[in-house]
Amino acid sequence: MNGNWLRVTPAELARAKDDLEWAYELAEAAGEAGDDRSSGTGKAWQAFAFLLERRAFDVPIVEGAEGFVEYPDADPEDEEFQEFLEHLEESGKDWGYGPPSYLTPEQVATAAAELATITPEDLIRGVDPAELQRADIYPNRWDRPDELVWVAHFLPDARRFFATAARRGDAVICWIN
């Protein structure tokens, strides 16, 4: 499982809201080209989110804040919900582990400003890896030395990515695959 981001203009975001298959193709092309519009946290996605939340970070930059798809008000075990999930896959709205979500340009600007104040050392200061183990945070290998340092090494790239997106007035599409 990998956390991913794609910077998009407001016009591209509007198009993505109407055509997630088009947005997926855009994301794939950016990722394959090594385009600076594409970035992410790799397998550290859940740990990165956990460490930011622990610091009371205001914007859910890993999983996004706004949904492209409205989930039914049903128990995940119900047949209705299972049919909904099948429809997501068939319709091209499932990008790996569910549909993507997004951050508005305003949310991106807030995230960029907050990220600018955090260093990798700040992100992991005072964190006991056992906290992540107890919380069952993916990739569940918190008993290994330097795993927190590995997660924190994604912060400088996240800072650059969100600073660029904020400067350009872009939104960010977020997904796990």
N, C-alpha and C. Protein backbone atom coordinates (compact mmCIF):
# COMPACT_ATOMS: atom_id res chain seq x y z
N MET A 1 0.85 -1.18 0.00
CA MET A 1 0.00 0.00 0.00
C MET A 1 0.89 1.23 0.00
N ASN A 2 0.58 2.17 -0.86
CA ASN A 2 1.37 3.38 -1.00
C ASN A 2 0.48 4.62 -1.00
N GLY A 3 0.94 5.67 -0.31
CA GLY A 3 0.23 6.94 -0.32
C GLY A 3 0.72 7.79 -1.48
N ASN A 4 -0.20 8.41 -2.19
CA ASN A 4 0.12 9.17 -3.39
C ASN A 4 -0.57 10.53 -3.41
N TRP A 5 0.09 11.48 -4.08
CA TRP A 5 -0.46 12.81 -4.29
C TRP A 5 -0.29 13.22 -5.74
N LEU A 6 -1.24 14.00 -6.23
CA LEU A 6 -1.14 14.60 -7.55
C LEU A 6 -1.62 16.04 -7.45
N ARG A 7 -0.73 16.97 -7.85
CA ARG A 7 -1.13 18.38 -7.91
C ARG A 7 -1.98 18.59 -9.16
N VAL A 8 -3.09 19.28 -8.99
CA VAL A 8 -3.96 19.61 -10.13
C VAL A 8 -4.41 21.05 -10.01
N THR A 9 -4.62 21.66 -11.15
CA THR A 9 -5.15 23.02 -11.16
C THR A 9 -6.62 22.97 -10.74
N PRO A 10 -7.20 24.10 -10.35
CA PRO A 10 -8.64 24.09 -10.04
C PRO A 10 -9.49 23.60 -11.21
N ALA A 11 -9.10 23.93 -12.44
CA ALA A 11 -9.85 23.45 -13.61
C ALA A 11 -9.73 21.93 -13.74
N GLU A 12 -8.54 21.39 -13.49
CA GLU A 12 -8.36 19.94 -13.55
C GLU A 12 -9.14 19.26 -12.43
N LEU A 13 -9.18 19.88 -11.26
CA LEU A 13 -9.97 19.31 -10.16
C LEU A 13 -11.44 19.26 -10.55
N ALA A 14 -11.95 20.32 -11.16
CA ALA A 14 -13.35 20.35 -11.58
C ALA A 14 -13.61 19.22 -12.58
N ARG A 15 -12.69 19.02 -13.51
CA ARG A 15 -12.86 17.94 -14.48
C ARG A 15 -12.80 16.58 -13.79
N ALA A 16 -11.89 16.43 -12.83
CA ALA A 16 -11.76 15.16 -12.10
C ALA A 16 -13.04 14.82 -11.36
N LYS A 17 -13.71 15.83 -10.84
CA LYS A 17 -14.98 15.58 -10.13
C LYS A 17 -16.02 14.96 -11.06
N ASP A 18 -15.94 15.27 -12.34
CA ASP A 18 -16.87 14.71 -13.32
C ASP A 18 -16.34 13.46 -14.01
N ASP A 19 -15.01 13.25 -13.97
CA ASP A 19 -14.42 12.16 -14.74
C ASP A 19 -13.19 11.62 -14.02
N LEU A 20 -13.43 10.73 -13.04
CA LEU A 20 -12.31 10.17 -12.28
C LEU A 20 -11.42 9.27 -13.12
N GLU A 21 -11.95 8.68 -14.18
CA GLU A 21 -11.10 7.87 -15.05
C GLU A 21 -10.07 8.75 -15.74
N TRP A 22 -10.48 9.93 -16.19
CA TRP A 22 -9.54 10.88 -16.79
C TRP A 22 -8.47 11.27 -15.77
N ALA A 23 -8.89 11.54 -14.54
CA ALA A 23 -7.94 11.94 -13.50
C ALA A 23 -6.97 10.81 -13.20
N TYR A 24 -7.46 9.57 -13.22
CA TYR A 24 -6.58 8.42 -12.98
C TYR A 24 -5.51 8.35 -14.07
N GLU A 25 -5.91 8.53 -15.30
CA GLU A 25 -4.95 8.52 -16.42
C GLU A 25 -3.93 9.64 -16.26
N LEU A 26 -4.38 10.81 -15.81
CA LEU A 26 -3.47 11.93 -15.56
C LEU A 26 -2.47 11.57 -14.47
N ALA A 27 -2.97 10.95 -13.40
CA ALA A 27 -2.10 10.55 -12.29
C ALA A 27 -1.09 9.49 -12.74
N GLU A 28 -1.55 8.51 -13.50
CA GLU A 28 -0.66 7.46 -14.00
C GLU A 28 0.43 8.06 -14.88
N ALA A 29 0.05 8.95 -15.78
CA ALA A 29 1.03 9.56 -16.69
C ALA A 29 2.05 10.39 -15.91
N ALA A 30 1.59 11.13 -14.92
CA ALA A 30 2.51 11.95 -14.11
C ALA A 30 3.47 11.06 -13.33
N GLY A 31 2.96 9.97 -12.77
CA GLY A 31 3.81 9.05 -12.01
C GLY A 31 4.84 8.37 -12.88
N GLU A 32 4.42 7.91 -14.06
CA GLU A 32 5.34 7.23 -14.97
C GLU A 32 6.42 8.17 -15.50
N ALA A 33 6.06 9.44 -15.68
CA ALA A 33 7.01 10.41 -16.22
C ALA A 33 7.93 10.98 -15.15
N GLY A 34 7.66 10.65 -13.89
CA GLY A 34 8.45 11.25 -12.81
C GLY A 34 8.18 12.74 -12.69
N ASP A 35 7.01 13.13 -13.11
CA ASP A 35 6.56 14.53 -13.10
C ASP A 35 6.54 15.07 -11.68
N ASP A 36 6.95 16.33 -11.48
CA ASP A 36 6.94 16.90 -10.14
C ASP A 36 5.53 17.19 -9.63
N ARG A 37 4.53 16.93 -10.48
CA ARG A 37 3.13 17.06 -10.02
C ARG A 37 2.72 15.86 -9.19
N SER A 38 3.55 14.83 -9.18
CA SER A 38 3.24 13.59 -8.50
C SER A 38 4.24 13.35 -7.37
N SER A 39 3.73 12.93 -6.22
CA SER A 39 4.60 12.61 -5.09
C SER A 39 3.83 11.70 -4.15
N GLY A 40 4.40 11.46 -2.99
CA GLY A 40 3.70 10.64 -2.02
C GLY A 40 4.59 10.19 -0.89
N THR A 41 4.05 9.30 -0.10
CA THR A 41 4.75 8.82 1.09
C THR A 41 5.05 7.33 1.03
N GLY A 42 4.82 6.71 -0.11
CA GLY A 42 5.10 5.29 -0.23
C GLY A 42 4.39 4.50 0.85
N LYS A 43 5.07 3.48 1.34
CA LYS A 43 4.49 2.60 2.36
C LYS A 43 4.38 3.27 3.73
N ALA A 44 4.96 4.44 3.88
CA ALA A 44 4.91 5.17 5.15
C ALA A 44 3.62 5.98 5.32
N TRP A 45 2.68 5.85 4.40
CA TRP A 45 1.50 6.72 4.38
C TRP A 45 0.76 6.76 5.71
N GLN A 46 0.45 5.61 6.29
CA GLN A 46 -0.35 5.61 7.51
C GLN A 46 0.46 6.12 8.70
N ALA A 47 1.72 5.78 8.76
CA ALA A 47 2.58 6.27 9.84
C ALA A 47 2.77 7.78 9.73
N PHE A 48 2.95 8.27 8.51
CA PHE A 48 3.11 9.71 8.29
C PHE A 48 1.86 10.44 8.77
N ALA A 49 0.70 9.92 8.41
CA ALA A 49 -0.57 10.53 8.85
C ALA A 49 -0.69 10.48 10.37
N PHE A 50 -0.33 9.34 10.95
CA PHE A 50 -0.39 9.17 12.40
C PHE A 50 0.49 10.20 13.11
N LEU A 51 1.71 10.38 12.62
CA LEU A 51 2.63 11.32 13.26
C LEU A 51 2.15 12.77 13.11
N LEU A 52 1.57 13.10 11.96
CA LEU A 52 1.02 14.45 11.79
C LEU A 52 -0.18 14.67 12.71
N GLU A 53 -1.07 13.69 12.79
CA GLU A 53 -2.24 13.81 13.66
C GLU A 53 -1.81 13.96 15.12
N ARG A 54 -0.77 13.24 15.48
CA ARG A 54 -0.23 13.31 16.84
C ARG A 54 0.21 14.74 17.18
N ARG A 55 0.64 15.48 16.16
CA ARG A 55 1.07 16.87 16.33
C ARG A 55 -0.11 17.84 16.16
N ALA A 56 -1.32 17.33 16.07
CA ALA A 56 -2.54 18.13 15.88
C ALA A 56 -2.49 18.91 14.56
N PHE A 57 -1.94 18.28 13.55
CA PHE A 57 -1.90 18.85 12.20
C PHE A 57 -3.33 19.01 11.72
N ASP A 58 -3.67 20.15 11.16
CA ASP A 58 -5.06 20.47 10.83
C ASP A 58 -5.62 19.82 9.57
N VAL A 59 -4.77 19.47 8.61
CA VAL A 59 -5.24 19.01 7.31
C VAL A 59 -4.84 17.55 7.08
N PRO A 60 -5.79 16.69 6.73
CA PRO A 60 -5.46 15.28 6.48
C PRO A 60 -4.81 15.10 5.11
N ILE A 61 -3.52 15.42 5.02
CA ILE A 61 -2.86 15.45 3.72
C ILE A 61 -2.65 14.07 3.09
N VAL A 62 -2.65 13.03 3.88
CA VAL A 62 -2.41 11.70 3.30
C VAL A 62 -3.67 11.15 2.65
N GLU A 63 -4.76 11.21 3.35
CA GLU A 63 -6.00 10.61 2.83
C GLU A 63 -6.94 11.63 2.21
N GLY A 64 -6.63 12.93 2.32
CA GLY A 64 -7.49 13.95 1.75
C GLY A 64 -8.66 14.28 2.64
N ALA A 65 -9.27 15.41 2.38
CA ALA A 65 -10.36 15.89 3.21
C ALA A 65 -11.72 15.84 2.51
N GLU A 66 -11.70 15.89 1.19
CA GLU A 66 -12.95 15.96 0.43
C GLU A 66 -13.06 14.72 -0.44
N GLY A 67 -14.25 14.16 -0.50
CA GLY A 67 -14.45 12.94 -1.28
C GLY A 67 -14.96 13.21 -2.68
N PHE A 68 -14.50 12.41 -3.62
CA PHE A 68 -15.06 12.44 -4.97
C PHE A 68 -16.31 11.58 -5.04
N VAL A 69 -16.40 10.62 -4.13
CA VAL A 69 -17.48 9.64 -4.15
C VAL A 69 -18.19 9.68 -2.80
N GLU A 70 -19.50 9.68 -2.84
CA GLU A 70 -20.28 9.63 -1.59
C GLU A 70 -20.59 8.17 -1.28
N TYR A 71 -20.20 7.77 -0.10
CA TYR A 71 -20.44 6.39 0.33
C TYR A 71 -21.88 6.25 0.82
N PRO A 72 -22.48 5.09 0.59
CA PRO A 72 -23.85 4.88 1.09
C PRO A 72 -23.85 4.77 2.61
N ASP A 73 -24.95 5.14 3.19
CA ASP A 73 -25.12 5.03 4.64
C ASP A 73 -25.56 3.60 4.93
N ALA A 74 -24.58 2.69 4.91
CA ALA A 74 -24.88 1.27 5.12
C ALA A 74 -23.71 0.62 5.84
N ASP A 75 -24.01 -0.44 6.53
CA ASP A 75 -22.99 -1.23 7.21
C ASP A 75 -22.07 -1.85 6.14
N PRO A 76 -20.74 -1.77 6.32
CA PRO A 76 -19.82 -2.34 5.33
C PRO A 76 -20.03 -3.83 5.07
N GLU A 77 -20.72 -4.51 5.96
CA GLU A 77 -21.00 -5.94 5.76
C GLU A 77 -22.30 -6.17 4.98
N ASP A 78 -23.13 -5.13 4.83
CA ASP A 78 -24.40 -5.27 4.12
C ASP A 78 -24.19 -5.47 2.62
N GLU A 79 -25.14 -6.14 2.00
CA GLU A 79 -25.08 -6.39 0.57
C GLU A 79 -25.05 -5.08 -0.23
N GLU A 80 -25.81 -4.08 0.23
CA GLU A 80 -25.85 -2.78 -0.46
C GLU A 80 -24.45 -2.17 -0.53
N PHE A 81 -23.72 -2.23 0.56
CA PHE A 81 -22.37 -1.66 0.60
C PHE A 81 -21.43 -2.46 -0.30
N GLN A 82 -21.54 -3.76 -0.28
CA GLN A 82 -20.70 -4.62 -1.13
C GLN A 82 -20.97 -4.35 -2.61
N GLU A 83 -22.22 -4.14 -2.97
CA GLU A 83 -22.56 -3.79 -4.35
C GLU A 83 -21.97 -2.44 -4.73
N PHE A 84 -21.99 -1.51 -3.79
CA PHE A 84 -21.39 -0.20 -4.01
C PHE A 84 -19.89 -0.36 -4.32
N LEU A 85 -19.20 -1.18 -3.54
CA LEU A 85 -17.77 -1.40 -3.76
C LEU A 85 -17.50 -2.03 -5.13
N GLU A 86 -18.32 -2.98 -5.52
CA GLU A 86 -18.18 -3.59 -6.84
C GLU A 86 -18.37 -2.55 -7.94
N HIS A 87 -19.35 -1.67 -7.74
CA HIS A 87 -19.60 -0.61 -8.72
C HIS A 87 -18.39 0.34 -8.82
N LEU A 88 -17.76 0.63 -7.69
CA LEU A 88 -16.57 1.48 -7.72
C LEU A 88 -15.49 0.90 -8.63
N GLU A 89 -15.25 -0.39 -8.46
CA GLU A 89 -14.23 -1.05 -9.28
C GLU A 89 -14.61 -1.02 -10.75
N GLU A 90 -15.84 -1.34 -11.06
CA GLU A 90 -16.30 -1.39 -12.45
C GLU A 90 -16.32 -0.02 -13.11
N SER A 91 -16.55 1.01 -12.34
CA SER A 91 -16.68 2.36 -12.89
C SER A 91 -15.36 3.11 -13.01
N GLY A 92 -14.26 2.51 -12.54
CA GLY A 92 -12.96 3.18 -12.61
C GLY A 92 -12.76 4.19 -11.50
N LYS A 93 -13.60 4.15 -10.48
CA LYS A 93 -13.47 5.10 -9.38
C LYS A 93 -12.64 4.57 -8.22
N ASP A 94 -12.26 3.30 -8.28
CA ASP A 94 -11.41 2.70 -7.26
C ASP A 94 -9.98 2.77 -7.77
N TRP A 95 -9.13 3.49 -7.06
CA TRP A 95 -7.75 3.69 -7.51
C TRP A 95 -6.78 2.76 -6.80
N GLY A 96 -7.24 1.75 -6.20
CA GLY A 96 -6.37 0.80 -5.51
C GLY A 96 -7.02 0.31 -4.24
N TYR A 97 -7.12 1.19 -3.27
CA TYR A 97 -7.79 0.88 -2.00
C TYR A 97 -8.90 1.89 -1.81
N GLY A 98 -9.80 1.92 -2.75
CA GLY A 98 -10.92 2.84 -2.70
C GLY A 98 -10.70 4.03 -3.61
N PRO A 99 -11.69 4.91 -3.65
CA PRO A 99 -11.59 6.08 -4.51
C PRO A 99 -10.64 7.12 -3.91
N PRO A 100 -10.11 7.99 -4.75
CA PRO A 100 -9.26 9.06 -4.23
C PRO A 100 -10.11 10.10 -3.52
N SER A 101 -9.45 10.99 -2.86
CA SER A 101 -10.09 12.17 -2.28
C SER A 101 -9.20 13.35 -2.65
N TYR A 102 -9.51 14.52 -2.12
CA TYR A 102 -8.71 15.67 -2.52
C TYR A 102 -8.67 16.74 -1.44
N LEU A 103 -7.74 17.65 -1.64
CA LEU A 103 -7.61 18.85 -0.81
C LEU A 103 -7.83 20.04 -1.72
N THR A 104 -8.63 20.99 -1.27
CA THR A 104 -8.87 22.21 -2.03
C THR A 104 -7.61 23.08 -2.01
N PRO A 105 -7.51 24.05 -2.90
CA PRO A 105 -6.36 24.95 -2.85
C PRO A 105 -6.19 25.63 -1.48
N GLU A 106 -7.30 25.94 -0.83
CA GLU A 106 -7.22 26.56 0.50
C GLU A 106 -6.64 25.58 1.52
N GLN A 107 -7.09 24.34 1.47
CA GLN A 107 -6.55 23.33 2.38
C GLN A 107 -5.08 23.06 2.09
N VAL A 108 -4.70 23.07 0.83
CA VAL A 108 -3.30 22.89 0.45
C VAL A 108 -2.45 24.02 1.03
N ALA A 109 -2.95 25.26 0.94
CA ALA A 109 -2.21 26.40 1.48
C ALA A 109 -2.03 26.27 2.99
N THR A 110 -3.08 25.85 3.68
CA THR A 110 -2.98 25.64 5.13
C THR A 110 -1.97 24.56 5.44
N ALA A 111 -2.03 23.46 4.71
CA ALA A 111 -1.09 22.35 4.92
C ALA A 111 0.35 22.80 4.67
N ALA A 112 0.56 23.53 3.60
CA ALA A 112 1.91 24.00 3.27
C ALA A 112 2.47 24.89 4.38
N ALA A 113 1.64 25.77 4.90
CA ALA A 113 2.09 26.66 5.97
C ALA A 113 2.44 25.86 7.23
N GLU A 114 1.63 24.86 7.56
CA GLU A 114 1.91 24.04 8.75
C GLU A 114 3.14 23.16 8.54
N LEU A 115 3.26 22.56 7.36
CA LEU A 115 4.42 21.71 7.08
C LEU A 115 5.73 22.50 7.17
N ALA A 116 5.67 23.77 6.77
CA ALA A 116 6.88 24.60 6.78
C ALA A 116 7.45 24.79 8.17
N THR A 117 6.64 24.56 9.19
CA THR A 117 7.10 24.78 10.57
C THR A 117 7.60 23.52 11.25
N ILE A 118 7.56 22.38 10.54
CA ILE A 118 7.92 21.10 11.14
C ILE A 118 9.20 20.56 10.50
N THR A 119 10.11 20.10 11.32
CA THR A 119 11.30 19.41 10.81
C THR A 119 11.10 17.91 10.96
N PRO A 120 11.91 17.11 10.26
CA PRO A 120 11.81 15.67 10.47
C PRO A 120 12.03 15.28 11.94
N GLU A 121 12.92 15.99 12.60
CA GLU A 121 13.16 15.71 14.02
C GLU A 121 11.93 16.02 14.86
N ASP A 122 11.25 17.14 14.54
CA ASP A 122 10.02 17.50 15.25
C ASP A 122 8.95 16.42 15.09
N LEU A 123 8.88 15.88 13.88
CA LEU A 123 7.84 14.91 13.57
C LEU A 123 7.92 13.67 14.46
N ILE A 124 9.14 13.26 14.80
CA ILE A 124 9.29 12.02 15.56
C ILE A 124 9.74 12.23 17.00
N ARG A 125 9.98 13.48 17.38
CA ARG A 125 10.43 13.76 18.75
C ARG A 125 9.40 13.26 19.76
N GLY A 126 9.87 12.48 20.72
CA GLY A 126 9.02 12.00 21.79
C GLY A 126 8.10 10.85 21.41
N VAL A 127 8.25 10.32 20.22
CA VAL A 127 7.39 9.23 19.78
C VAL A 127 8.02 7.90 20.15
N ASP A 128 7.25 7.07 20.77
CA ASP A 128 7.68 5.71 21.08
C ASP A 128 7.15 4.81 19.96
N PRO A 129 8.02 4.10 19.26
CA PRO A 129 7.55 3.23 18.19
C PRO A 129 6.46 2.25 18.64
N ALA A 130 6.43 1.93 19.92
CA ALA A 130 5.40 1.03 20.44
C ALA A 130 4.00 1.64 20.27
N GLU A 131 3.91 3.00 20.24
CA GLU A 131 2.61 3.65 20.00
C GLU A 131 2.06 3.23 18.65
N LEU A 132 2.92 3.22 17.64
CA LEU A 132 2.50 2.84 16.30
C LEU A 132 2.16 1.36 16.24
N GLN A 133 2.92 0.56 16.96
CA GLN A 133 2.66 -0.88 17.01
C GLN A 133 1.29 -1.13 17.65
N ARG A 134 1.02 -0.46 18.78
CA ARG A 134 -0.26 -0.64 19.47
C ARG A 134 -1.43 -0.17 18.62
N ALA A 135 -1.20 0.88 17.84
CA ALA A 135 -2.26 1.42 16.99
C ALA A 135 -2.41 0.64 15.68
N ASP A 136 -1.58 -0.39 15.49
CA ASP A 136 -1.62 -1.23 14.29
C ASP A 136 -1.42 -0.40 13.02
N ILE A 137 -0.41 0.47 13.05
CA ILE A 137 -0.12 1.36 11.93
C ILE A 137 0.71 0.63 10.88
N TYR A 138 0.23 0.65 9.66
CA TYR A 138 0.92 0.06 8.51
C TYR A 138 2.26 0.76 8.32
N PRO A 139 3.33 0.07 8.02
CA PRO A 139 3.48 -1.32 7.64
C PRO A 139 3.81 -2.27 8.78
N ASN A 140 3.46 -1.92 9.99
CA ASN A 140 3.56 -2.83 11.14
C ASN A 140 4.94 -3.42 11.36
N ARG A 141 5.96 -2.59 11.32
CA ARG A 141 7.33 -3.06 11.58
C ARG A 141 8.06 -2.10 12.53
N TRP A 142 7.37 -1.68 13.54
CA TRP A 142 7.88 -0.63 14.42
C TRP A 142 8.86 -1.14 15.46
N ASP A 143 9.13 -2.43 15.45
CA ASP A 143 10.13 -2.98 16.36
C ASP A 143 11.53 -2.92 15.75
N ARG A 144 11.63 -2.49 14.50
CA ARG A 144 12.93 -2.37 13.84
C ARG A 144 13.54 -1.00 14.14
N PRO A 145 14.86 -0.94 14.28
CA PRO A 145 15.49 0.35 14.54
C PRO A 145 15.36 1.28 13.33
N ASP A 146 15.26 2.56 13.60
CA ASP A 146 15.24 3.62 12.58
C ASP A 146 14.00 3.67 11.70
N GLU A 147 12.95 2.95 12.06
CA GLU A 147 11.73 3.02 11.26
C GLU A 147 11.09 4.41 11.33
N LEU A 148 11.14 5.05 12.49
CA LEU A 148 10.57 6.41 12.59
C LEU A 148 11.38 7.39 11.74
N VAL A 149 12.68 7.22 11.69
CA VAL A 149 13.53 8.07 10.85
C VAL A 149 13.15 7.87 9.39
N TRP A 150 12.87 6.62 9.02
CA TRP A 150 12.44 6.32 7.65
C TRP A 150 11.15 7.08 7.32
N VAL A 151 10.19 7.11 8.23
CA VAL A 151 8.94 7.84 7.99
C VAL A 151 9.23 9.34 7.87
N ALA A 152 10.04 9.85 8.78
CA ALA A 152 10.33 11.29 8.80
C ALA A 152 11.06 11.75 7.54
N HIS A 153 11.76 10.85 6.87
CA HIS A 153 12.50 11.28 5.68
C HIS A 153 11.56 11.70 4.54
N PHE A 154 10.28 11.40 4.63
CA PHE A 154 9.31 11.84 3.62
C PHE A 154 8.90 13.30 3.82
N LEU A 155 9.17 13.85 4.99
CA LEU A 155 8.71 15.21 5.29
C LEU A 155 9.30 16.29 4.37
N PRO A 156 10.60 16.33 4.11
CA PRO A 156 11.12 17.39 3.23
C PRO A 156 10.46 17.40 1.85
N ASP A 157 10.24 16.23 1.27
CA ASP A 157 9.58 16.18 -0.03
C ASP A 157 8.13 16.65 0.09
N ALA A 158 7.44 16.25 1.15
CA ALA A 158 6.06 16.70 1.36
C ALA A 158 6.03 18.22 1.49
N ARG A 159 6.99 18.78 2.21
CA ARG A 159 7.05 20.24 2.37
C ARG A 159 7.20 20.92 1.01
N ARG A 160 8.15 20.43 0.19
CA ARG A 160 8.36 21.02 -1.15
C ARG A 160 7.11 20.86 -2.02
N PHE A 161 6.55 19.66 -2.01
CA PHE A 161 5.39 19.38 -2.84
C PHE A 161 4.22 20.31 -2.50
N PHE A 162 3.90 20.40 -1.21
CA PHE A 162 2.76 21.24 -0.81
C PHE A 162 3.07 22.73 -0.95
N ALA A 163 4.32 23.13 -0.75
CA ALA A 163 4.69 24.54 -0.96
C ALA A 163 4.50 24.92 -2.43
N THR A 164 4.92 24.04 -3.33
CA THR A 164 4.74 24.30 -4.76
C THR A 164 3.27 24.36 -5.11
N ALA A 165 2.50 23.40 -4.61
CA ALA A 165 1.06 23.39 -4.88
C ALA A 165 0.40 24.67 -4.36
N ALA A 166 0.76 25.09 -3.16
CA ALA A 166 0.17 26.30 -2.58
C ALA A 166 0.56 27.53 -3.40
N ARG A 167 1.82 27.63 -3.78
CA ARG A 167 2.30 28.78 -4.55
C ARG A 167 1.57 28.89 -5.89
N ARG A 168 1.24 27.75 -6.48
CA ARG A 168 0.57 27.74 -7.79
C ARG A 168 -0.96 27.77 -7.68
N GLY A 169 -1.48 27.70 -6.46
CA GLY A 169 -2.93 27.70 -6.28
C GLY A 169 -3.58 26.38 -6.66
N ASP A 170 -2.81 25.30 -6.57
CA ASP A 170 -3.30 23.98 -6.97
C ASP A 170 -4.06 23.28 -5.84
N ALA A 171 -4.87 22.32 -6.25
CA ALA A 171 -5.48 21.35 -5.35
C ALA A 171 -4.60 20.12 -5.38
N VAL A 172 -4.86 19.16 -4.50
CA VAL A 172 -4.09 17.91 -4.47
C VAL A 172 -5.07 16.74 -4.38
N ILE A 173 -4.91 15.80 -5.29
CA ILE A 173 -5.66 14.55 -5.23
C ILE A 173 -4.83 13.56 -4.43
N CYS A 174 -5.48 12.86 -3.51
CA CYS A 174 -4.81 11.92 -2.59
C CYS A 174 -5.42 10.54 -2.75
N TRP A 175 -4.58 9.49 -2.77
CA TRP A 175 -5.11 8.14 -2.84
C TRP A 175 -4.08 7.13 -2.34
N ILE A 176 -4.59 5.96 -2.00
CA ILE A 176 -3.78 4.84 -1.55
C ILE A 176 -3.91 3.74 -2.61
N ASN A 177 -2.78 3.22 -3.05
CA ASN A 177 -2.84 2.09 -3.99
C ASN A 177 -1.88 1.00 -3.60
